Amino acid sequence: MIRVEEIANKDFKSVIWGYDPESVDSFLDQIIEVILQMQAERKEMTSTIDYLVNELAAVGRKPMDGAQSDSVVEPMAPEEI
């Protein structure tokens, strides 16, 4: 997976018929901004999922395995609590 630092530090060779380096840098900066935003959102969602799974466990329920769609949770067996 490409890291944000790799994008930020990528150098392109100048050629006579090449692209404008400033527009390439500007576009790469936009990509970096989107990646950083997505990483922050993913971290927040992961934290929320972890919190909700812990809350479900605290009340004796566990998340569904995804195969059943009628309910989000199912009761935990007493030995699982």
PDB file of N, CA and C in Angstrom:
ATOM      1  N   MET A   1       0.847  -1.176   0.000  1.00  0.00           N
ATOM      2  CA  MET A   1       0.000   0.000   0.000  1.00  0.00           C
ATOM      3  C   MET A   1       0.893   1.240   0.000  1.00  0.00           C
ATOM      4  N   ILE A   2       0.525   2.202  -0.777  1.00  0.00           N
ATOM      5  CA  ILE A   2       1.304   3.424  -0.850  1.00  0.00           C
ATOM      6  C   ILE A   2       1.013   4.308   0.359  1.00  0.00           C
ATOM      7  N   ARG A   3       2.059   4.891   0.922  1.00  0.00           N
ATOM      8  CA  ARG A   3       1.908   5.737   2.099  1.00  0.00           C
ATOM      9  C   ARG A   3       1.814   7.196   1.670  1.00  0.00           C
ATOM     10  N   VAL A   4       1.189   8.001   2.526  1.00  0.00           N
ATOM     11  CA  VAL A   4       1.036   9.424   2.262  1.00  0.00           C
ATOM     12  C   VAL A   4       2.400  10.076   2.049  1.00  0.00           C
ATOM     13  N   GLU A   5       3.378   9.667   2.840  1.00  0.00           N
ATOM     14  CA  GLU A   5       4.713  10.240   2.719  1.00  0.00           C
ATOM     15  C   GLU A   5       5.316   9.969   1.338  1.00  0.00           C
ATOM     16  N   GLU A   6       5.041   8.797   0.786  1.00  0.00           N
ATOM     17  CA  GLU A   6       5.551   8.475  -0.542  1.00  0.00           C
ATOM     18  C   GLU A   6       4.948   9.383  -1.607  1.00  0.00           C
ATOM     19  N   ILE A   7       3.671   9.677  -1.464  1.00  0.00           N
ATOM     20  CA  ILE A   7       3.021  10.587  -2.404  1.00  0.00           C
ATOM     21  C   ILE A   7       3.604  11.987  -2.254  1.00  0.00           C
ATOM     22  N   ALA A   8       3.722  12.443  -1.015  1.00  0.00           N
ATOM     23  CA  ALA A   8       4.212  13.795  -0.757  1.00  0.00           C
ATOM     24  C   ALA A   8       5.645  13.987  -1.237  1.00  0.00           C
ATOM     25  N   ASN A   9       6.461  12.947  -1.161  1.00  0.00           N
ATOM     26  CA  ASN A   9       7.878  13.073  -1.503  1.00  0.00           C
ATOM     27  C   ASN A   9       8.216  12.598  -2.917  1.00  0.00           C
ATOM     28  N   LYS A  10       7.225  12.218  -3.696  1.00  0.00           N
ATOM     29  CA  LYS A  10       7.471  11.715  -5.051  1.00  0.00           C
ATOM     30  C   LYS A  10       7.968  12.842  -5.952  1.00  0.00           C
ATOM     31  N   ASP A  11       9.068  12.600  -6.649  1.00  0.00           N
ATOM     32  CA  ASP A  11       9.614  13.559  -7.611  1.00  0.00           C
ATOM     33  C   ASP A  11       9.406  12.998  -9.013  1.00  0.00           C
ATOM     34  N   PHE A  12       9.064  13.875  -9.918  1.00  0.00           N
ATOM     35  CA  PHE A  12       8.890  13.495 -11.312  1.00  0.00           C
ATOM     36  C   PHE A  12       9.946  14.209 -12.145  1.00  0.00           C
ATOM     37  N   LYS A  13      10.477  13.528 -13.114  1.00  0.00           N
ATOM     38  CA  LYS A  13      11.473  14.129 -13.989  1.00  0.00           C
ATOM     39  C   LYS A  13      10.794  15.128 -14.924  1.00  0.00           C
ATOM     40  N   SER A  14      11.468  16.234 -15.164  1.00  0.00           N
ATOM     41  CA  SER A  14      10.963  17.218 -16.116  1.00  0.00           C
ATOM     42  C   SER A  14      11.362  16.815 -17.527  1.00  0.00           C
ATOM     43  N   VAL A  15      10.428  16.910 -18.431  1.00  0.00           N
ATOM     44  CA  VAL A  15      10.702  16.650 -19.841  1.00  0.00           C
ATOM     45  C   VAL A  15      10.075  17.772 -20.650  1.00  0.00           C
ATOM     46  N   ILE A  16      10.529  17.916 -21.855  1.00  0.00           N
ATOM     47  CA  ILE A  16      10.038  19.013 -22.687  1.00  0.00           C
ATOM     48  C   ILE A  16       8.533  18.917 -22.908  1.00  0.00           C
ATOM     49  N   TRP A  17       8.031  17.746 -23.171  1.00  0.00           N
ATOM     50  CA  TRP A  17       6.606  17.573 -23.455  1.00  0.00           C
ATOM     51  C   TRP A  17       5.859  16.981 -22.263  1.00  0.00           C
ATOM     52  N   GLY A  18       6.366  17.217 -21.072  1.00  0.00           N
ATOM     53  CA  GLY A  18       5.773  16.630 -19.871  1.00  0.00           C
ATOM     54  C   GLY A  18       4.661  17.484 -19.284  1.00  0.00           C
ATOM     55  N   TYR A  19       4.295  17.151 -18.094  1.00  0.00           N
ATOM     56  CA  TYR A  19       3.248  17.851 -17.368  1.00  0.00           C
ATOM     57  C   TYR A  19       3.840  18.993 -16.551  1.00  0.00           C
ATOM     58  N   ASP A  20       3.008  19.976 -16.239  1.00  0.00           N
ATOM     59  CA  ASP A  20       3.418  21.091 -15.398  1.00  0.00           C
ATOM     60  C   ASP A  20       3.643  20.576 -13.978  1.00  0.00           C
ATOM     61  N   PRO A  21       4.862  20.671 -13.453  1.00  0.00           N
ATOM     62  CA  PRO A  21       5.156  20.141 -12.120  1.00  0.00           C
ATOM     63  C   PRO A  21       4.263  20.740 -11.024  1.00  0.00           C
ATOM     64  N   GLU A  22       3.919  22.005 -11.145  1.00  0.00           N
ATOM     65  CA  GLU A  22       3.067  22.625 -10.127  1.00  0.00           C
ATOM     66  C   GLU A  22       1.665  22.025 -10.126  1.00  0.00           C
ATOM     67  N   SER A  23       1.119  21.724 -11.305  1.00  0.00           N
ATOM     68  CA  SER A  23      -0.220  21.122 -11.334  1.00  0.00           C
ATOM     69  C   SER A  23      -0.181  19.677 -10.843  1.00  0.00           C
ATOM     70  N   VAL A  24       0.920  18.963 -11.113  1.00  0.00           N
ATOM     71  CA  VAL A  24       1.077  17.601 -10.594  1.00  0.00           C
ATOM     72  C   VAL A  24       1.153  17.650  -9.070  1.00  0.00           C
ATOM     73  N   ASP A  25       1.981  18.551  -8.531  1.00  0.00           N
ATOM     74  CA  ASP A  25       2.101  18.689  -7.075  1.00  0.00           C
ATOM     75  C   ASP A  25       0.773  19.068  -6.441  1.00  0.00           C
ATOM     76  N   SER A  26       0.059  19.972  -7.073  1.00  0.00           N
ATOM     77  CA  SER A  26      -1.246  20.387  -6.546  1.00  0.00           C
ATOM     78  C   SER A  26      -2.217  19.216  -6.497  1.00  0.00           C
ATOM     79  N   PHE A  27      -2.232  18.426  -7.574  1.00  0.00           N
ATOM     80  CA  PHE A  27      -3.119  17.265  -7.614  1.00  0.00           C
ATOM     81  C   PHE A  27      -2.725  16.237  -6.560  1.00  0.00           C
ATOM     82  N   LEU A  28      -1.430  15.992  -6.415  1.00  0.00           N
ATOM     83  CA  LEU A  28      -0.965  15.048  -5.396  1.00  0.00           C
ATOM     84  C   LEU A  28      -1.321  15.537  -3.997  1.00  0.00           C
ATOM     85  N   ASP A  29      -1.249  16.845  -3.770  1.00  0.00           N
ATOM     86  CA  ASP A  29      -1.666  17.405  -2.480  1.00  0.00           C
ATOM     87  C   ASP A  29      -3.138  17.137  -2.210  1.00  0.00           C
ATOM     88  N   GLN A  30      -3.964  17.224  -3.240  1.00  0.00           N
ATOM     89  CA  GLN A  30      -5.393  16.928  -3.088  1.00  0.00           C
ATOM     90  C   GLN A  30      -5.601  15.455  -2.745  1.00  0.00           C
ATOM     91  N   ILE A  31      -4.845  14.592  -3.394  1.00  0.00           N
ATOM     92  CA  ILE A  31      -4.942  13.153  -3.121  1.00  0.00           C
ATOM     93  C   ILE A  31      -4.538  12.870  -1.677  1.00  0.00           C
ATOM     94  N   ILE A  32      -3.453  13.489  -1.225  1.00  0.00           N
ATOM     95  CA  ILE A  32      -3.000  13.304   0.153  1.00  0.00           C
ATOM     96  C   ILE A  32      -4.083  13.731   1.128  1.00  0.00           C
ATOM     97  N   GLU A  33      -4.711  14.864   0.859  1.00  0.00           N
ATOM     98  CA  GLU A  33      -5.769  15.361   1.745  1.00  0.00           C
ATOM     99  C   GLU A  33      -6.929  14.373   1.840  1.00  0.00           C
ATOM    100  N   VAL A  34      -7.325  13.808   0.709  1.00  0.00           N
ATOM    101  CA  VAL A  34      -8.417  12.830   0.699  1.00  0.00           C
ATOM    102  C   VAL A  34      -8.011  11.566   1.452  1.00  0.00           C
ATOM    103  N   ILE A  35      -6.796  11.093   1.233  1.00  0.00           N
ATOM    104  CA  ILE A  35      -6.322   9.883   1.920  1.00  0.00           C
ATOM    105  C   ILE A  35      -6.292  10.098   3.428  1.00  0.00           C
ATOM    106  N   LEU A  36      -5.766  11.237   3.867  1.00  0.00           N
ATOM    107  CA  LEU A  36      -5.722  11.525   5.304  1.00  0.00           C
ATOM    108  C   LEU A  36      -7.123  11.601   5.899  1.00  0.00           C
ATOM    109  N   GLN A  37      -8.059  12.194   5.167  1.00  0.00           N
ATOM    110  CA  GLN A  37      -9.444  12.268   5.640  1.00  0.00           C
ATOM    111  C   GLN A  37     -10.055  10.871   5.735  1.00  0.00           C
ATOM    112  N   MET A  38      -9.812  10.049   4.730  1.00  0.00           N
ATOM    113  CA  MET A  38     -10.350   8.687   4.745  1.00  0.00           C
ATOM    114  C   MET A  38      -9.743   7.867   5.882  1.00  0.00           C
ATOM    115  N   GLN A  39      -8.443   8.046   6.131  1.00  0.00           N
ATOM    116  CA  GLN A  39      -7.806   7.331   7.234  1.00  0.00           C
ATOM    117  C   GLN A  39      -8.399   7.751   8.571  1.00  0.00           C
ATOM    118  N   ALA A  40      -8.657   9.045   8.739  1.00  0.00           N
ATOM    119  CA  ALA A  40      -9.248   9.533   9.984  1.00  0.00           C
ATOM    120  C   ALA A  40     -10.664   8.991  10.147  1.00  0.00           C
ATOM    121  N   GLU A  41     -11.443   8.985   9.066  1.00  0.00           N
ATOM    122  CA  GLU A  41     -12.803   8.448   9.123  1.00  0.00           C
ATOM    123  C   GLU A  41     -12.786   6.957   9.446  1.00  0.00           C
ATOM    124  N   ARG A  42     -11.868   6.226   8.836  1.00  0.00           N
ATOM    125  CA  ARG A  42     -11.765   4.783   9.100  1.00  0.00           C
ATOM    126  C   ARG A  42     -11.422   4.533  10.562  1.00  0.00           C
ATOM    127  N   LYS A  43     -10.477   5.315  11.095  1.00  0.00           N
ATOM    128  CA  LYS A  43     -10.096   5.162  12.495  1.00  0.00           C
ATOM    129  C   LYS A  43     -11.291   5.444  13.409  1.00  0.00           C
ATOM    130  N   GLU A  44     -12.049   6.483  13.086  1.00  0.00           N
ATOM    131  CA  GLU A  44     -13.225   6.814  13.888  1.00  0.00           C
ATOM    132  C   GLU A  44     -14.284   5.715  13.810  1.00  0.00           C
ATOM    133  N   MET A  45     -14.519   5.187  12.610  1.00  0.00           N
ATOM    134  CA  MET A  45     -15.502   4.113  12.459  1.00  0.00           C
ATOM    135  C   MET A  45     -15.061   2.854  13.186  1.00  0.00           C
ATOM    136  N   THR A  46     -13.783   2.523  13.102  1.00  0.00           N
ATOM    137  CA  THR A  46     -13.263   1.347  13.796  1.00  0.00           C
ATOM    138  C   THR A  46     -13.426   1.502  15.306  1.00  0.00           C
ATOM    139  N   SER A  47     -13.134   2.687  15.811  1.00  0.00           N
ATOM    140  CA  SER A  47     -13.313   2.945  17.245  1.00  0.00           C
ATOM    141  C   SER A  47     -14.773   2.819  17.641  1.00  0.00           C
ATOM    142  N   THR A  48     -15.667   3.329  16.801  1.00  0.00           N
ATOM    143  CA  THR A  48     -17.098   3.233  17.084  1.00  0.00           C
ATOM    144  C   THR A  48     -17.555   1.786  17.075  1.00  0.00           C
ATOM    145  N   ILE A  49     -17.092   1.011  16.120  1.00  0.00           N
ATOM    146  CA  ILE A  49     -17.447  -0.413  16.058  1.00  0.00           C
ATOM    147  C   ILE A  49     -16.951  -1.133  17.297  1.00  0.00           C
ATOM    148  N   ASP A  50     -15.701  -0.897  17.685  1.00  0.00           N
ATOM    149  CA  ASP A  50     -15.159  -1.526  18.883  1.00  0.00           C
ATOM    150  C   ASP A  50     -15.982  -1.158  20.112  1.00  0.00           C
ATOM    151  N   TYR A  51     -16.331   0.111  20.227  1.00  0.00           N
ATOM    152  CA  TYR A  51     -17.138   0.574  21.357  1.00  0.00           C
ATOM    153  C   TYR A  51     -18.493  -0.134  21.368  1.00  0.00           C
ATOM    154  N   LEU A  52     -19.159  -0.203  20.221  1.00  0.00           N
ATOM    155  CA  LEU A  52     -20.483  -0.823  20.152  1.00  0.00           C
ATOM    156  C   LEU A  52     -20.427  -2.325  20.417  1.00  0.00           C
ATOM    157  N   VAL A  53     -19.381  -2.987  19.932  1.00  0.00           N
ATOM    158  CA  VAL A  53     -19.225  -4.421  20.212  1.00  0.00           C
ATOM    159  C   VAL A  53     -19.045  -4.634  21.712  1.00  0.00           C
ATOM    160  N   ASN A  54     -18.254  -3.788  22.350  1.00  0.00           N
ATOM    161  CA  ASN A  54     -18.073  -3.890  23.802  1.00  0.00           C
ATOM    162  C   ASN A  54     -19.373  -3.611  24.543  1.00  0.00           C
ATOM    163  N   GLU A  55     -20.142  -2.648  24.066  1.00  0.00           N
ATOM    164  CA  GLU A  55     -21.440  -2.350  24.689  1.00  0.00           C
ATOM    165  C   GLU A  55     -22.392  -3.539  24.546  1.00  0.00           C
ATOM    166  N   LEU A  56     -22.390  -4.165  23.389  1.00  0.00           N
ATOM    167  CA  LEU A  56     -23.233  -5.349  23.185  1.00  0.00           C
ATOM    168  C   LEU A  56     -22.810  -6.469  24.128  1.00  0.00           C
ATOM    169  N   ALA A  57     -21.532  -6.685  24.260  1.00  0.00           N
ATOM    170  CA  ALA A  57     -21.043  -7.729  25.158  1.00  0.00           C
ATOM    171  C   ALA A  57     -21.429  -7.420  26.597  1.00  0.00           C
ATOM    172  N   ALA A  58     -21.435  -6.156  26.975  1.00  0.00           N
ATOM    173  CA  ALA A  58     -21.776  -5.765  28.340  1.00  0.00           C
ATOM    174  C   ALA A  58     -23.232  -6.067  28.678  1.00  0.00           C
ATOM    175  N   VAL A  59     -24.091  -6.086  27.658  1.00  0.00           N
ATOM    176  CA  VAL A  59     -25.504  -6.381  27.908  1.00  0.00           C
ATOM    177  C   VAL A  59     -25.867  -7.803  27.483  1.00  0.00           C
ATOM    178  N   GLY A  60     -24.844  -8.634  27.229  1.00  0.00           N
ATOM    179  CA  GLY A  60     -25.088 -10.047  26.947  1.00  0.00           C
ATOM    180  C   GLY A  60     -25.521 -10.330  25.526  1.00  0.00           C
ATOM    181  N   ARG A  61     -25.096  -9.518  24.581  1.00  0.00           N
ATOM    182  CA  ARG A  61     -25.431  -9.755  23.177  1.00  0.00           C
ATOM    183  C   ARG A  61     -24.135  -9.760  22.384  1.00  0.00           C
ATOM    184  N   LYS A  62     -24.166 -10.384  21.226  1.00  0.00           N
ATOM    185  CA  LYS A  62     -22.986 -10.380  20.373  1.00  0.00           C
ATOM    186  C   LYS A  62     -23.392 -10.005  18.954  1.00  0.00           C
ATOM    187  N   PRO A  63     -22.483  -9.421  18.182  1.00  0.00           N
ATOM    188  CA  PRO A  63     -22.800  -9.046  16.803  1.00  0.00           C
ATOM    189  C   PRO A  63     -23.096 -10.275  15.965  1.00  0.00           C
ATOM    190  N   MET A  64     -23.922 -10.113  14.968  1.00  0.00           N
ATOM    191  CA  MET A  64     -24.233 -11.203  14.047  1.00  0.00           C
ATOM    192  C   MET A  64     -23.030 -11.440  13.153  1.00  0.00           C
ATOM    193  N   ASP A  65     -22.961 -12.599  12.540  1.00  0.00           N
ATOM    194  CA  ASP A  65     -21.835 -12.926  11.667  1.00  0.00           C
ATOM    195  C   ASP A  65     -22.013 -12.386  10.256  1.00  0.00           C
ATOM    196  N   GLY A  66     -23.101 -11.705   9.988  1.00  0.00           N
ATOM    197  CA  GLY A  66     -23.338 -11.138   8.671  1.00  0.00           C
ATOM    198  C   GLY A  66     -24.213 -12.019   7.805  1.00  0.00           C
ATOM    199  N   ALA A  67     -24.353 -13.294   8.151  1.00  0.00           N
ATOM    200  CA  ALA A  67     -25.168 -14.198   7.355  1.00  0.00           C
ATOM    201  C   ALA A  67     -26.656 -13.945   7.559  1.00  0.00           C
ATOM    202  N   GLN A  68     -27.012 -13.438   8.722  1.00  0.00           N
ATOM    203  CA  GLN A  68     -28.409 -13.154   9.018  1.00  0.00           C
ATOM    204  C   GLN A  68     -28.615 -11.651   8.970  1.00  0.00           C
ATOM    205  N   SER A  69     -29.666 -11.213   8.295  1.00  0.00           N
ATOM    206  CA  SER A  69     -29.859  -9.783   8.150  1.00  0.00           C
ATOM    207  C   SER A  69     -31.104  -9.261   8.861  1.00  0.00           C
ATOM    208  N   ASP A  70     -31.866 -10.131   9.528  1.00  0.00           N
ATOM    209  CA  ASP A  70     -33.076  -9.689  10.208  1.00  0.00           C
ATOM    210  C   ASP A  70     -32.766  -8.869  11.452  1.00  0.00           C
ATOM    211  N   SER A  71     -31.660  -9.132  12.068  1.00  0.00           N
ATOM    212  CA  SER A  71     -31.295  -8.471  13.308  1.00  0.00           C
ATOM    213  C   SER A  71     -29.801  -8.199  13.299  1.00  0.00           C
ATOM    214  N   VAL A  72     -29.406  -7.183  14.003  1.00  0.00           N
ATOM    215  CA  VAL A  72     -27.995  -6.847  14.068  1.00  0.00           C
ATOM    216  C   VAL A  72     -27.279  -7.683  15.111  1.00  0.00           C
ATOM    217  N   VAL A  73     -27.988  -8.088  16.160  1.00  0.00           N
ATOM    218  CA  VAL A  73     -27.367  -8.839  17.237  1.00  0.00           C
ATOM    219  C   VAL A  73     -28.181 -10.080  17.550  1.00  0.00           C
ATOM    220  N   GLU A  74     -27.535 -11.013  18.226  1.00  0.00           N
ATOM    221  CA  GLU A  74     -28.214 -12.202  18.710  1.00  0.00           C
ATOM    222  C   GLU A  74     -27.802 -12.429  20.154  1.00  0.00           C
ATOM    223  N   PRO A  75     -28.650 -13.069  20.943  1.00  0.00           N
ATOM    224  CA  PRO A  75     -28.303 -13.309  22.337  1.00  0.00           C
ATOM    225  C   PRO A  75     -27.053 -14.171  22.456  1.00  0.00           C
ATOM    226  N   MET A  76     -26.271 -13.904  23.490  1.00  0.00           N
ATOM    227  CA  MET A  76     -25.086 -14.714  23.762  1.00  0.00           C
ATOM    228  C   MET A  76     -25.485 -15.872  24.666  1.00  0.00           C
ATOM    229  N   ALA A  77     -24.873 -17.017  24.459  1.00  0.00           N
ATOM    230  CA  ALA A  77     -25.093 -18.143  25.342  1.00  0.00           C
ATOM    231  C   ALA A  77     -24.454 -17.828  26.682  1.00  0.00           C
ATOM    232  N   PRO A  78     -24.993 -18.315  27.784  1.00  0.00           N
ATOM    233  CA  PRO A  78     -24.452 -18.014  29.108  1.00  0.00           C
ATOM    234  C   PRO A  78     -22.941 -18.300  29.235  1.00  0.00           C
ATOM    235  N   GLU A  79     -22.452 -19.349  28.566  1.00  0.00           N
ATOM    236  CA  GLU A  79     -21.035 -19.653  28.651  1.00  0.00           C
ATOM    237  C   GLU A  79     -20.162 -18.653  27.882  1.00  0.00           C
ATOM    238  N   GLU A  80     -20.762 -17.851  27.025  1.00  0.00           N
ATOM    239  CA  GLU A  80     -20.027 -16.838  26.262  1.00  0.00           C
ATOM    240  C   GLU A  80     -19.913 -15.515  27.014  1.00  0.00           C
ATOM    241  N   ILE A  81     -20.728 -15.343  28.020  1.00  0.00           N
ATOM    242  CA  ILE A  81     -20.782 -14.065  28.739  1.00  0.00           C
ATOM    243  C   ILE A  81     -19.635 -13.952  29.719  1.00  0.00           C
TER     244      ILE A  81
END
